[in-house]
PDB file of N, CA and C in Angstrom:
ATOM      1  N   MET A   1       0.643  -1.002  -0.147  1.00  0.00           N
ATOM      2  CA  MET A   1      -0.092  -0.302  -0.119  1.00  0.00           C
ATOM      3  C   MET A   1       1.101   1.158   0.167  1.00  0.00           C
ATOM      4  N   SER A   2       0.925   1.445  -1.060  1.00  0.00           N
ATOM      5  CA  SER A   2       2.038   3.024  -1.499  1.00  0.00           C
ATOM      6  C   SER A   2       1.412   3.554  -2.567  1.00  0.00           C
ATOM      7  N   THR A   3       1.073   5.102  -2.525  1.00  0.00           N
ATOM      8  CA  THR A   3       1.130   6.059  -3.305  1.00  0.00           C
ATOM      9  C   THR A   3       1.799   5.754  -4.317  1.00  0.00           C
ATOM     10  N   LEU A   4       1.636   6.693  -5.742  1.00  0.00           N
ATOM     11  CA  LEU A   4       2.198   5.672  -6.816  1.00  0.00           C
ATOM     12  C   LEU A   4       4.020   7.112  -7.051  1.00  0.00           C
ATOM     13  N   GLU A   5       3.857   8.484  -6.194  1.00  0.00           N
ATOM     14  CA  GLU A   5       4.959   9.351  -6.456  1.00  0.00           C
ATOM     15  C   GLU A   5       6.200   8.539  -5.262  1.00  0.00           C
ATOM     16  N   GLU A   6       5.604   7.590  -4.058  1.00  0.00           N
ATOM     17  CA  GLU A   6       6.124   6.859  -3.017  1.00  0.00           C
ATOM     18  C   GLU A   6       6.474   5.615  -3.695  1.00  0.00           C
ATOM     19  N   ALA A   7       5.896   5.299  -4.700  1.00  0.00           N
ATOM     20  CA  ALA A   7       6.249   3.744  -5.482  1.00  0.00           C
ATOM     21  C   ALA A   7       7.603   4.634  -6.584  1.00  0.00           C
ATOM     22  N   TYR A   8       7.195   5.371  -6.855  1.00  0.00           N
ATOM     23  CA  TYR A   8       8.790   5.879  -8.413  1.00  0.00           C
ATOM     24  C   TYR A   8       9.845   6.126  -7.053  1.00  0.00           C
ATOM     25  N   SER A   9       9.749   7.145  -6.661  1.00  0.00           N
ATOM     26  CA  SER A   9      10.922   7.876  -5.996  1.00  0.00           C
ATOM     27  C   SER A   9      11.032   6.854  -4.653  1.00  0.00           C
ATOM     28  N   GLY A  10      10.440   5.957  -4.022  1.00  0.00           N
ATOM     29  CA  GLY A  10      11.315   5.539  -2.820  1.00  0.00           C
ATOM     30  C   GLY A  10      11.128   6.628  -1.640  1.00  0.00           C
ATOM     31  N   LYS A  11      10.157   7.777  -1.867  1.00  0.00           N
ATOM     32  CA  LYS A  11       9.954   8.506  -0.776  1.00  0.00           C
ATOM     33  C   LYS A  11       8.139   8.859  -0.011  1.00  0.00           C
ATOM     34  N   ARG A  12       8.346   9.229   0.868  1.00  0.00           N
ATOM     35  CA  ARG A  12       6.959   9.387   1.262  1.00  0.00           C
ATOM     36  C   ARG A  12       6.752  11.112   0.732  1.00  0.00           C
ATOM     37  N   PRO A  13       5.164  11.664   0.277  1.00  0.00           N
ATOM     38  CA  PRO A  13       5.550  12.750  -0.336  1.00  0.00           C
ATOM     39  C   PRO A  13       5.270  13.487   1.250  1.00  0.00           C
ATOM     40  N   ASP A  14       5.025  15.377   0.813  1.00  0.00           N
ATOM     41  CA  ASP A  14       5.136  15.836   2.309  1.00  0.00           C
ATOM     42  C   ASP A  14       3.731  16.509   1.997  1.00  0.00           C
ATOM     43  N   ILE A  15       2.772  16.409   2.441  1.00  0.00           N
ATOM     44  CA  ILE A  15       1.442  16.475   2.559  1.00  0.00           C
ATOM     45  C   ILE A  15       0.602  17.798   3.309  1.00  0.00           C
ATOM     46  N   SER A  16       1.695  17.948   4.518  1.00  0.00           N
ATOM     47  CA  SER A  16       1.313  19.196   5.394  1.00  0.00           C
ATOM     48  C   SER A  16       1.009  19.973   4.798  1.00  0.00           C
ATOM     49  N   HIS A  17       1.142  20.697   3.679  1.00  0.00           N
ATOM     50  CA  HIS A  17       0.359  21.879   2.925  1.00  0.00           C
ATOM     51  C   HIS A  17      -0.614  21.927   2.514  1.00  0.00           C
ATOM     52  N   LEU A  18      -1.535  20.140   3.258  1.00  0.00           N
ATOM     53  CA  LEU A  18      -3.212  20.651   2.259  1.00  0.00           C
ATOM     54  C   LEU A  18      -3.906  20.520   3.861  1.00  0.00           C
ATOM     55  N   ARG A  19      -4.562  21.489   3.533  1.00  0.00           N
ATOM     56  CA  ARG A  19      -6.057  21.309   4.195  1.00  0.00           C
ATOM     57  C   ARG A  19      -6.719  21.056   4.065  1.00  0.00           C
ATOM     58  N   ILE A  20      -8.303  21.155   5.269  1.00  0.00           N
ATOM     59  CA  ILE A  20      -9.114  20.488   4.559  1.00  0.00           C
ATOM     60  C   ILE A  20     -10.189  21.857   4.800  1.00  0.00           C
ATOM     61  N   PHE A  21     -11.078  21.554   3.451  1.00  0.00           N
ATOM     62  CA  PHE A  21     -11.841  22.223   2.779  1.00  0.00           C
ATOM     63  C   PHE A  21     -13.400  22.379   3.871  1.00  0.00           C
ATOM     64  N   GLY A  22     -13.774  23.565   3.644  1.00  0.00           N
ATOM     65  CA  GLY A  22     -14.621  23.568   4.499  1.00  0.00           C
ATOM     66  C   GLY A  22     -14.507  24.354   5.907  1.00  0.00           C
ATOM     67  N   SER A  23     -13.341  24.351   6.190  1.00  0.00           N
ATOM     68  CA  SER A  23     -12.163  24.853   8.004  1.00  0.00           C
ATOM     69  C   SER A  23     -12.442  26.039   7.755  1.00  0.00           C
ATOM     70  N   PRO A  24     -12.992  26.613   9.274  1.00  0.00           N
ATOM     71  CA  PRO A  24     -13.512  28.291   8.724  1.00  0.00           C
ATOM     72  C   PRO A  24     -12.454  28.593   9.314  1.00  0.00           C
ATOM     73  N   VAL A  25     -11.365  29.663   8.649  1.00  0.00           N
ATOM     74  CA  VAL A  25     -10.858  30.692   8.443  1.00  0.00           C
ATOM     75  C   VAL A  25     -10.762  31.814   9.103  1.00  0.00           C
ATOM     76  N   TYR A  26      -9.857  32.435   9.912  1.00  0.00           N
ATOM     77  CA  TYR A  26      -9.746  34.304  10.182  1.00  0.00           C
ATOM     78  C   TYR A  26      -8.564  34.229   8.738  1.00  0.00           C
ATOM     79  N   MET A  27      -8.813  35.867   8.368  1.00  0.00           N
ATOM     80  CA  MET A  27      -8.229  36.748   7.925  1.00  0.00           C
ATOM     81  C   MET A  27      -8.049  38.633   9.057  1.00  0.00           C
ATOM     82  N   HIS A  28      -7.186  38.255   8.609  1.00  0.00           N
ATOM     83  CA  HIS A  28      -6.694  39.688   9.962  1.00  0.00           C
ATOM     84  C   HIS A  28      -7.501  40.928   8.638  1.00  0.00           C
ATOM     85  N   VAL A  29      -8.019  41.931   9.317  1.00  0.00           N
ATOM     86  CA  VAL A  29      -8.173  43.276   9.303  1.00  0.00           C
ATOM     87  C   VAL A  29      -7.818  44.503   9.247  1.00  0.00           C
ATOM     88  N   MET A  30      -6.895  44.974   8.127  1.00  0.00           N
ATOM     89  CA  MET A  30      -6.080  45.707   8.092  1.00  0.00           C
ATOM     90  C   MET A  30      -6.026  47.047   8.950  1.00  0.00           C
ATOM     91  N   LYS A  31      -5.308  47.987   9.767  1.00  0.00           N
ATOM     92  CA  LYS A  31      -5.664  48.655  10.959  1.00  0.00           C
ATOM     93  C   LYS A  31      -6.510  49.852   9.634  1.00  0.00           C
ATOM     94  N   ASP A  32      -6.004  50.517   8.515  1.00  0.00           N
ATOM     95  CA  ASP A  32      -6.495  51.407   7.340  1.00  0.00           C
ATOM     96  C   ASP A  32      -8.385  50.651   6.906  1.00  0.00           C
ATOM     97  N   ALA A  33      -8.390  49.412   7.286  1.00  0.00           N
ATOM     98  CA  ALA A  33      -9.379  48.886   6.469  1.00  0.00           C
ATOM     99  C   ALA A  33     -11.090  48.692   7.815  1.00  0.00           C
ATOM    100  N   ARG A  34     -10.653  49.588   8.467  1.00  0.00           N
ATOM    101  CA  ARG A  34     -11.709  49.143  10.111  1.00  0.00           C
ATOM    102  C   ARG A  34     -12.051  50.126  10.365  1.00  0.00           C
ATOM    103  N   LYS A  35     -12.101  50.249  11.663  1.00  0.00           N
ATOM    104  CA  LYS A  35     -13.209  51.898  12.568  1.00  0.00           C
ATOM    105  C   LYS A  35     -12.260  51.234  13.883  1.00  0.00           C
ATOM    106  N   LYS A  36     -12.253  51.939  15.068  1.00  0.00           N
ATOM    107  CA  LYS A  36     -12.107  52.043  15.651  1.00  0.00           C
ATOM    108  C   LYS A  36     -12.417  50.444  16.591  1.00  0.00           C
ATOM    109  N   LEU A  37     -13.947  50.579  17.025  1.00  0.00           N
ATOM    110  CA  LEU A  37     -14.878  49.205  17.178  1.00  0.00           C
ATOM    111  C   LEU A  37     -14.525  47.916  16.258  1.00  0.00           C
ATOM    112  N   GLU A  38     -14.524  48.378  15.246  1.00  0.00           N
ATOM    113  CA  GLU A  38     -14.091  47.068  14.214  1.00  0.00           C
ATOM    114  C   GLU A  38     -13.319  45.610  14.949  1.00  0.00           C
ATOM    115  N   SER A  39     -13.812  44.516  14.720  1.00  0.00           N
ATOM    116  CA  SER A  39     -13.218  43.556  15.179  1.00  0.00           C
ATOM    117  C   SER A  39     -11.882  43.514  13.607  1.00  0.00           C
ATOM    118  N   ILE A  40      -9.881  42.326  14.506  1.00  0.00           N
ATOM    119  CA  ILE A  40      -9.009  43.011  13.699  1.00  0.00           C
ATOM    120  C   ILE A  40      -9.254  41.596  13.171  1.00  0.00           C
ATOM    121  N   ALA A  41      -9.788  40.550  13.371  1.00  0.00           N
ATOM    122  CA  ALA A  41     -10.271  39.445  12.592  1.00  0.00           C
ATOM    123  C   ALA A  41     -11.793  39.077  11.356  1.00  0.00           C
ATOM    124  N   GLU A  42     -11.629  38.735  10.842  1.00  0.00           N
ATOM    125  CA  GLU A  42     -12.986  38.491   9.528  1.00  0.00           C
ATOM    126  C   GLU A  42     -13.603  36.830   9.378  1.00  0.00           C
ATOM    127  N   VAL A  43     -14.402  36.340  10.062  1.00  0.00           N
ATOM    128  CA  VAL A  43     -14.711  35.105   9.673  1.00  0.00           C
ATOM    129  C   VAL A  43     -15.334  34.431   8.295  1.00  0.00           C
ATOM    130  N   GLY A  44     -14.278  33.816   7.606  1.00  0.00           N
ATOM    131  CA  GLY A  44     -14.036  32.771   6.831  1.00  0.00           C
ATOM    132  C   GLY A  44     -14.380  31.745   6.439  1.00  0.00           C
ATOM    133  N   ILE A  45     -14.973  30.505   5.352  1.00  0.00           N
ATOM    134  CA  ILE A  45     -15.022  29.225   5.370  1.00  0.00           C
ATOM    135  C   ILE A  45     -13.673  28.989   3.945  1.00  0.00           C
ATOM    136  N   PHE A  46     -13.430  28.036   4.166  1.00  0.00           N
ATOM    137  CA  PHE A  46     -12.362  27.514   3.190  1.00  0.00           C
ATOM    138  C   PHE A  46     -12.887  27.391   1.872  1.00  0.00           C
ATOM    139  N   VAL A  47     -12.697  27.568   0.783  1.00  0.00           N
ATOM    140  CA  VAL A  47     -13.389  26.851  -0.406  1.00  0.00           C
ATOM    141  C   VAL A  47     -12.954  25.959  -0.720  1.00  0.00           C
ATOM    142  N   ARG A  48     -11.885  26.553  -1.999  1.00  0.00           N
ATOM    143  CA  ARG A  48      -9.911  25.473  -2.837  1.00  0.00           C
ATOM    144  C   ARG A  48      -9.319  26.341  -3.031  1.00  0.00           C
ATOM    145  N   TYR A  49      -8.236  25.556  -3.224  1.00  0.00           N
ATOM    146  CA  TYR A  49      -6.593  26.631  -3.463  1.00  0.00           C
ATOM    147  C   TYR A  49      -6.228  27.263  -5.118  1.00  0.00           C
ATOM    148  N   THR A  50      -5.708  28.227  -4.932  1.00  0.00           N
ATOM    149  CA  THR A  50      -5.484  29.042  -6.624  1.00  0.00           C
ATOM    150  C   THR A  50      -4.059  28.293  -7.417  1.00  0.00           C
ATOM    151  N   ASP A  51      -4.336  28.294  -8.211  1.00  0.00           N
ATOM    152  CA  ASP A  51      -3.547  27.878  -8.917  1.00  0.00           C
ATOM    153  C   ASP A  51      -1.953  28.252  -7.942  1.00  0.00           C
ATOM    154  N   THR A  52      -2.160  29.667  -7.809  1.00  0.00           N
ATOM    155  CA  THR A  52      -0.270  30.274  -7.851  1.00  0.00           C
ATOM    156  C   THR A  52      -0.519  29.697  -6.385  1.00  0.00           C
ATOM    157  N   PRO A  53       0.939  29.421  -5.319  1.00  0.00           N
ATOM    158  CA  PRO A  53       1.117  28.983  -4.276  1.00  0.00           C
ATOM    159  C   PRO A  53       0.922  29.904  -3.275  1.00  0.00           C
ATOM    160  N   HIS A  54       0.551  29.104  -1.934  1.00  0.00           N
ATOM    161  CA  HIS A  54       0.028  29.931  -1.119  1.00  0.00           C
ATOM    162  C   HIS A  54      -1.490  31.626  -1.141  1.00  0.00           C
ATOM    163  N   ASN A  55      -1.930  30.558  -1.681  1.00  0.00           N
ATOM    164  CA  ASN A  55      -3.261  31.516  -1.963  1.00  0.00           C
ATOM    165  C   ASN A  55      -4.085  30.884  -1.701  1.00  0.00           C
ATOM    166  N   TYR A  56      -5.220  30.810  -1.403  1.00  0.00           N
ATOM    167  CA  TYR A  56      -6.085  30.391  -0.778  1.00  0.00           C
ATOM    168  C   TYR A  56      -7.599  31.455  -1.401  1.00  0.00           C
ATOM    169  N   ARG A  57      -8.981  30.334  -2.034  1.00  0.00           N
ATOM    170  CA  ARG A  57     -10.024  31.405  -2.178  1.00  0.00           C
ATOM    171  C   ARG A  57     -10.506  31.050  -0.939  1.00  0.00           C
ATOM    172  N   VAL A  58     -11.378  31.663  -0.705  1.00  0.00           N
ATOM    173  CA  VAL A  58     -11.712  31.824   0.594  1.00  0.00           C
ATOM    174  C   VAL A  58     -13.668  32.611   0.844  1.00  0.00           C
ATOM    175  N   TYR A  59     -14.702  32.233   0.990  1.00  0.00           N
ATOM    176  CA  TYR A  59     -16.193  32.204   1.151  1.00  0.00           C
ATOM    177  C   TYR A  59     -16.237  33.169   2.613  1.00  0.00           C
ATOM    178  N   PHE A  60     -17.133  34.349   2.944  1.00  0.00           N
ATOM    179  CA  PHE A  60     -17.087  35.333   3.158  1.00  0.00           C
ATOM    180  C   PHE A  60     -18.724  35.140   3.874  1.00  0.00           C
ATOM    181  N   PRO A  61     -19.435  34.431   4.270  1.00  0.00           N
ATOM    182  CA  PRO A  61     -20.870  34.821   4.748  1.00  0.00           C
ATOM    183  C   PRO A  61     -21.917  35.162   5.034  1.00  0.00           C
ATOM    184  N   ASP A  62     -20.758  37.025   6.148  1.00  0.00           N
ATOM    185  CA  ASP A  62     -21.596  37.427   6.020  1.00  0.00           C
ATOM    186  C   ASP A  62     -21.654  38.481   4.527  1.00  0.00           C
ATOM    187  N   SER A  63     -20.443  38.516   4.006  1.00  0.00           N
ATOM    188  CA  SER A  63     -20.676  39.795   2.924  1.00  0.00           C
ATOM    189  C   SER A  63     -21.511  38.833   1.573  1.00  0.00           C
ATOM    190  N   HIS A  64     -21.875  37.570   1.891  1.00  0.00           N
ATOM    191  CA  HIS A  64     -21.525  36.901   0.600  1.00  0.00           C
ATOM    192  C   HIS A  64     -20.516  36.288  -0.336  1.00  0.00           C
ATOM    193  N   LYS A  65     -19.480  36.515  -0.324  1.00  0.00           N
ATOM    194  CA  LYS A  65     -18.329  37.129  -1.139  1.00  0.00           C
ATOM    195  C   LYS A  65     -17.574  36.277  -1.364  1.00  0.00           C
ATOM    196  N   THR A  66     -16.917  35.789  -2.010  1.00  0.00           N
ATOM    197  CA  THR A  66     -15.484  34.941  -2.632  1.00  0.00           C
ATOM    198  C   THR A  66     -14.218  35.358  -3.002  1.00  0.00           C
ATOM    199  N   VAL A  67     -13.211  35.438  -1.985  1.00  0.00           N
ATOM    200  CA  VAL A  67     -12.240  36.211  -2.255  1.00  0.00           C
ATOM    201  C   VAL A  67     -11.176  35.473  -2.197  1.00  0.00           C
ATOM    202  N   VAL A  68     -10.043  35.805  -2.852  1.00  0.00           N
ATOM    203  CA  VAL A  68      -8.669  35.252  -3.101  1.00  0.00           C
ATOM    204  C   VAL A  68      -7.306  35.695  -1.933  1.00  0.00           C
ATOM    205  N   ARG A  69      -7.339  34.516  -0.407  1.00  0.00           N
ATOM    206  CA  ARG A  69      -6.190  35.674   0.306  1.00  0.00           C
ATOM    207  C   ARG A  69      -5.377  34.256   0.974  1.00  0.00           C
ATOM    208  N   GLN A  70      -4.253  35.251   1.154  1.00  0.00           N
ATOM    209  CA  GLN A  70      -2.994  34.963   1.215  1.00  0.00           C
ATOM    210  C   GLN A  70      -3.024  35.238   3.016  1.00  0.00           C
ATOM    211  N   ASP A  71      -3.445  35.678   3.624  1.00  0.00           N
ATOM    212  CA  ASP A  71      -3.217  35.693   5.241  1.00  0.00           C
ATOM    213  C   ASP A  71      -3.315  35.520   5.969  1.00  0.00           C
ATOM    214  N   ILE A  72      -4.676  33.614   5.652  1.00  0.00           N
ATOM    215  CA  ILE A  72      -5.304  33.765   6.769  1.00  0.00           C
ATOM    216  C   ILE A  72      -4.544  32.613   7.791  1.00  0.00           C
ATOM    217  N   LYS A  73      -5.850  32.142   8.275  1.00  0.00           N
ATOM    218  CA  LYS A  73      -4.944  30.993   9.665  1.00  0.00           C
ATOM    219  C   LYS A  73      -6.032  30.471   9.795  1.00  0.00           C
ATOM    220  N   PHE A  74      -5.853  28.705   9.818  1.00  0.00           N
ATOM    221  CA  PHE A  74      -6.721  28.004   9.736  1.00  0.00           C
ATOM    222  C   PHE A  74      -7.436  27.136  11.337  1.00  0.00           C
ATOM    223  N   GLN A  75      -8.531  27.309  11.122  1.00  0.00           N
ATOM    224  CA  GLN A  75      -9.103  26.195  12.175  1.00  0.00           C
ATOM    225  C   GLN A  75      -9.009  25.189  11.580  1.00  0.00           C
ATOM    226  N   GLU A  76      -8.726  23.844  12.161  1.00  0.00           N
ATOM    227  CA  GLU A  76      -8.733  22.451  11.555  1.00  0.00           C
ATOM    228  C   GLU A  76      -9.608  21.435  12.582  1.00  0.00           C
ATOM    229  N   GLU A  77      -8.732  22.022  13.777  1.00  0.00           N
ATOM    230  CA  GLU A  77      -9.475  21.255  14.585  1.00  0.00           C
ATOM    231  C   GLU A  77     -11.276  21.220  14.740  1.00  0.00           C
ATOM    232  N   LYS A  78     -11.451  22.525  14.099  1.00  0.00           N
ATOM    233  CA  LYS A  78     -12.931  22.348  14.538  1.00  0.00           C
ATOM    234  C   LYS A  78     -14.158  22.084  13.913  1.00  0.00           C
ATOM    235  N   ALA A  79     -12.829  21.898  12.333  1.00  0.00           N
ATOM    236  CA  ALA A  79     -13.796  21.476  10.888  1.00  0.00           C
ATOM    237  C   ALA A  79     -14.120  19.348  11.969  1.00  0.00           C
ATOM    238  N   MET A  80     -12.394  19.414  11.794  1.00  0.00           N
ATOM    239  CA  MET A  80     -12.523  18.157  12.609  1.00  0.00           C
ATOM    240  C   MET A  80     -13.809  16.969  13.287  1.00  0.00           C
ATOM    241  N   LYS A  81     -13.709  18.025  14.619  1.00  0.00           N
ATOM    242  CA  LYS A  81     -14.850  17.988  15.382  1.00  0.00           C
ATOM    243  C   LYS A  81     -16.014  17.878  15.099  1.00  0.00           C
ATOM    244  N   CYS A  82     -16.705  19.142  13.570  1.00  0.00           N
ATOM    245  CA  CYS A  82     -17.669  19.330  13.715  1.00  0.00           C
ATOM    246  C   CYS A  82     -17.390  17.501  12.411  1.00  0.00           C
ATOM    247  N   SER A  83     -17.132  17.353  11.129  1.00  0.00           N
ATOM    248  CA  SER A  83     -17.016  16.258  10.648  1.00  0.00           C
ATOM    249  C   SER A  83     -17.420  14.535  11.470  1.00  0.00           C
ATOM    250  N   LEU A  84     -16.321  14.665  12.787  1.00  0.00           N
ATOM    251  CA  LEU A  84     -16.677  13.503  13.434  1.00  0.00           C
ATOM    252  C   LEU A  84     -17.972  13.138  14.391  1.00  0.00           C
ATOM    253  N   GLU A  85     -18.528  14.311  14.203  1.00  0.00           N
ATOM    254  CA  GLU A  85     -20.054  14.697  15.008  1.00  0.00           C
ATOM    255  C   GLU A  85     -21.062  13.836  13.505  1.00  0.00           C
ATOM    256  N   ARG A  86     -20.767  14.610  12.643  1.00  0.00           N
ATOM    257  CA  ARG A  86     -21.993  14.410  11.860  1.00  0.00           C
ATOM    258  C   ARG A  86     -22.010  12.821  10.865  1.00  0.00           C
ATOM    259  N   GLU A  87     -20.577  12.380  11.378  1.00  0.00           N
ATOM    260  CA  GLU A  87     -20.652  10.979  10.726  1.00  0.00           C
ATOM    261  C   GLU A  87     -21.424   9.990  11.515  1.00  0.00           C
ATOM    262  N   PRO A  88     -21.838   8.748  10.645  1.00  0.00           N
ATOM    263  CA  PRO A  88     -23.217   8.556  11.173  1.00  0.00           C
ATOM    264  C   PRO A  88     -21.898   7.167  11.739  1.00  0.00           C
ATOM    265  N   HIS A  89     -22.937   6.660  13.016  1.00  0.00           N
ATOM    266  CA  HIS A  89     -22.500   5.188  13.451  1.00  0.00           C
ATOM    267  C   HIS A  89     -22.830   4.155  13.579  1.00  0.00           C
ATOM    268  N   PHE A  90     -22.034   3.089  12.615  1.00  0.00           N
ATOM    269  CA  PHE A  90     -23.062   1.817  12.524  1.00  0.00           C
ATOM    270  C   PHE A  90     -22.169   1.027  13.540  1.00  0.00           C
ATOM    271  N   HIS A  91     -22.996  -0.365  14.241  1.00  0.00           N
ATOM    272  CA  HIS A  91     -23.268  -1.188  14.875  1.00  0.00           C
ATOM    273  C   HIS A  91     -22.498  -2.479  14.178  1.00  0.00           C
ATOM    274  N   ALA A  92     -22.037  -3.297  14.547  1.00  0.00           N
ATOM    275  CA  ALA A  92     -22.078  -4.486  13.388  1.00  0.00           C
ATOM    276  C   ALA A  92     -22.337  -5.380  13.376  1.00  0.00           C
ATOM    277  N   ASN A  93     -23.624  -5.529  14.188  1.00  0.00           N
ATOM    278  CA  ASN A  93     -24.837  -6.192  13.983  1.00  0.00           C
ATOM    279  C   ASN A  93     -25.750  -5.487  12.360  1.00  0.00           C
ATOM    280  N   GLU A  94     -25.526  -4.208  12.395  1.00  0.00           N
ATOM    281  CA  GLU A  94     -26.507  -3.225  11.211  1.00  0.00           C
ATOM    282  C   GLU A  94     -26.157  -3.534   9.809  1.00  0.00           C
ATOM    283  N   GLU A  95     -27.399  -4.128   8.706  1.00  0.00           N
ATOM    284  CA  GLU A  95     -26.782  -4.088   7.543  1.00  0.00           C
ATOM    285  C   GLU A  95     -26.562  -3.090   7.105  1.00  0.00           C
ATOM    286  N   LEU A  96     -25.429  -2.690   6.396  1.00  0.00           N
ATOM    287  CA  LEU A  96     -24.826  -1.409   5.854  1.00  0.00           C
ATOM    288  C   LEU A  96     -25.349  -1.353   4.144  1.00  0.00           C
ATOM    289  N   LEU A  97     -25.401  -2.566   3.538  1.00  0.00           N
ATOM    290  CA  LEU A  97     -26.004  -3.116   1.787  1.00  0.00           C
ATOM    291  C   LEU A  97     -27.765  -3.117   2.141  1.00  0.00           C
ATOM    292  N   VAL A  98     -27.378  -3.963   0.601  1.00  0.00           N
ATOM    293  CA  VAL A  98     -28.999  -5.194   0.611  1.00  0.00           C
ATOM    294  C   VAL A  98     -29.326  -6.556   1.600  1.00  0.00           C
ATOM    295  N   PRO A  99     -30.060  -5.806   2.769  1.00  0.00           N
ATOM    296  CA  PRO A  99     -30.344  -7.252   3.350  1.00  0.00           C
ATOM    297  C   PRO A  99     -29.666  -8.040   2.180  1.00  0.00           C
ATOM    298  N   LYS A 100     -29.450 -10.030   2.706  1.00  0.00           N
ATOM    299  CA  LYS A 100     -29.274 -11.021   2.329  1.00  0.00           C
ATOM    300  C   LYS A 100     -30.477 -11.752   1.698  1.00  0.00           C
ATOM    301  N   ASP A 101     -31.385 -11.681   2.144  1.00  0.00           N
ATOM    302  CA  ASP A 101     -32.582 -11.928   1.275  1.00  0.00           C
ATOM    303  C   ASP A 101     -33.088 -11.465  -0.493  1.00  0.00           C
ATOM    304  N   GLU A 102     -32.908  -9.841  -0.522  1.00  0.00           N
ATOM    305  CA  GLU A 102     -33.151  -9.506  -1.677  1.00  0.00           C
ATOM    306  C   GLU A 102     -31.378 -10.220  -2.527  1.00  0.00           C
ATOM    307  N   LEU A 103     -30.833 -10.084  -1.675  1.00  0.00           N
ATOM    308  CA  LEU A 103     -29.537 -11.095  -3.282  1.00  0.00           C
ATOM    309  C   LEU A 103     -29.982 -12.165  -3.817  1.00  0.00           C
ATOM    310  N   GLN A 104     -30.671 -12.995  -2.970  1.00  0.00           N
ATOM    311  CA  GLN A 104     -31.198 -14.311  -3.888  1.00  0.00           C
ATOM    312  C   GLN A 104     -31.616 -14.346  -4.728  1.00  0.00           C
ATOM    313  N   ASP A 105     -32.270 -12.981  -4.720  1.00  0.00           N
ATOM    314  CA  ASP A 105     -33.567 -12.748  -6.967  1.00  0.00           C
ATOM    315  C   ASP A 105     -32.296 -12.173  -7.541  1.00  0.00           C
ATOM    316  N   VAL A 106     -31.319 -12.511  -7.580  1.00  0.00           N
ATOM    317  CA  VAL A 106     -31.011 -12.105  -8.541  1.00  0.00           C
ATOM    318  C   VAL A 106     -30.327 -13.292  -9.398  1.00  0.00           C
ATOM    319  N   ASP A 107     -30.294 -13.267 -10.504  1.00  0.00           N
ATOM    320  CA  ASP A 107     -29.674 -14.375 -11.452  1.00  0.00           C
ATOM    321  C   ASP A 107     -27.946 -14.417 -11.588  1.00  0.00           C
ATOM    322  N   GLN A 108     -27.051 -15.399 -11.270  1.00  0.00           N
ATOM    323  CA  GLN A 108     -25.766 -15.378 -11.239  1.00  0.00           C
ATOM    324  C   GLN A 108     -25.715 -16.373 -12.965  1.00  0.00           C
ATOM    325  N   PRO A 109     -24.737 -15.779 -13.302  1.00  0.00           N
ATOM    326  CA  PRO A 109     -24.696 -16.528 -14.528  1.00  0.00           C
ATOM    327  C   PRO A 109     -23.724 -17.976 -14.377  1.00  0.00           C
TER     328      PRO A 109
END
């Protein structure tokens, strides 16, 4: 069990730069773009990567805009926690696919 890159080069590829899609991100708002009592960070959602390195496409739900940003901080732990909470938990005695009595109706060559 190995990736194509690992089979070709003999080294495991570095995937530390990959981020979780849909994770919350925080973007710093510059001093000249905000007023005295406004927050210094804006909350968005990581949507996708861009063609240029270290740039990310972020959706801001408050303004309903998607923009490309570089200066963001990821909250991947929060995304993982939400993902694990939504994941269905099956018990060993539950049927995951088609029940066995329906499989007998199919003609096999």
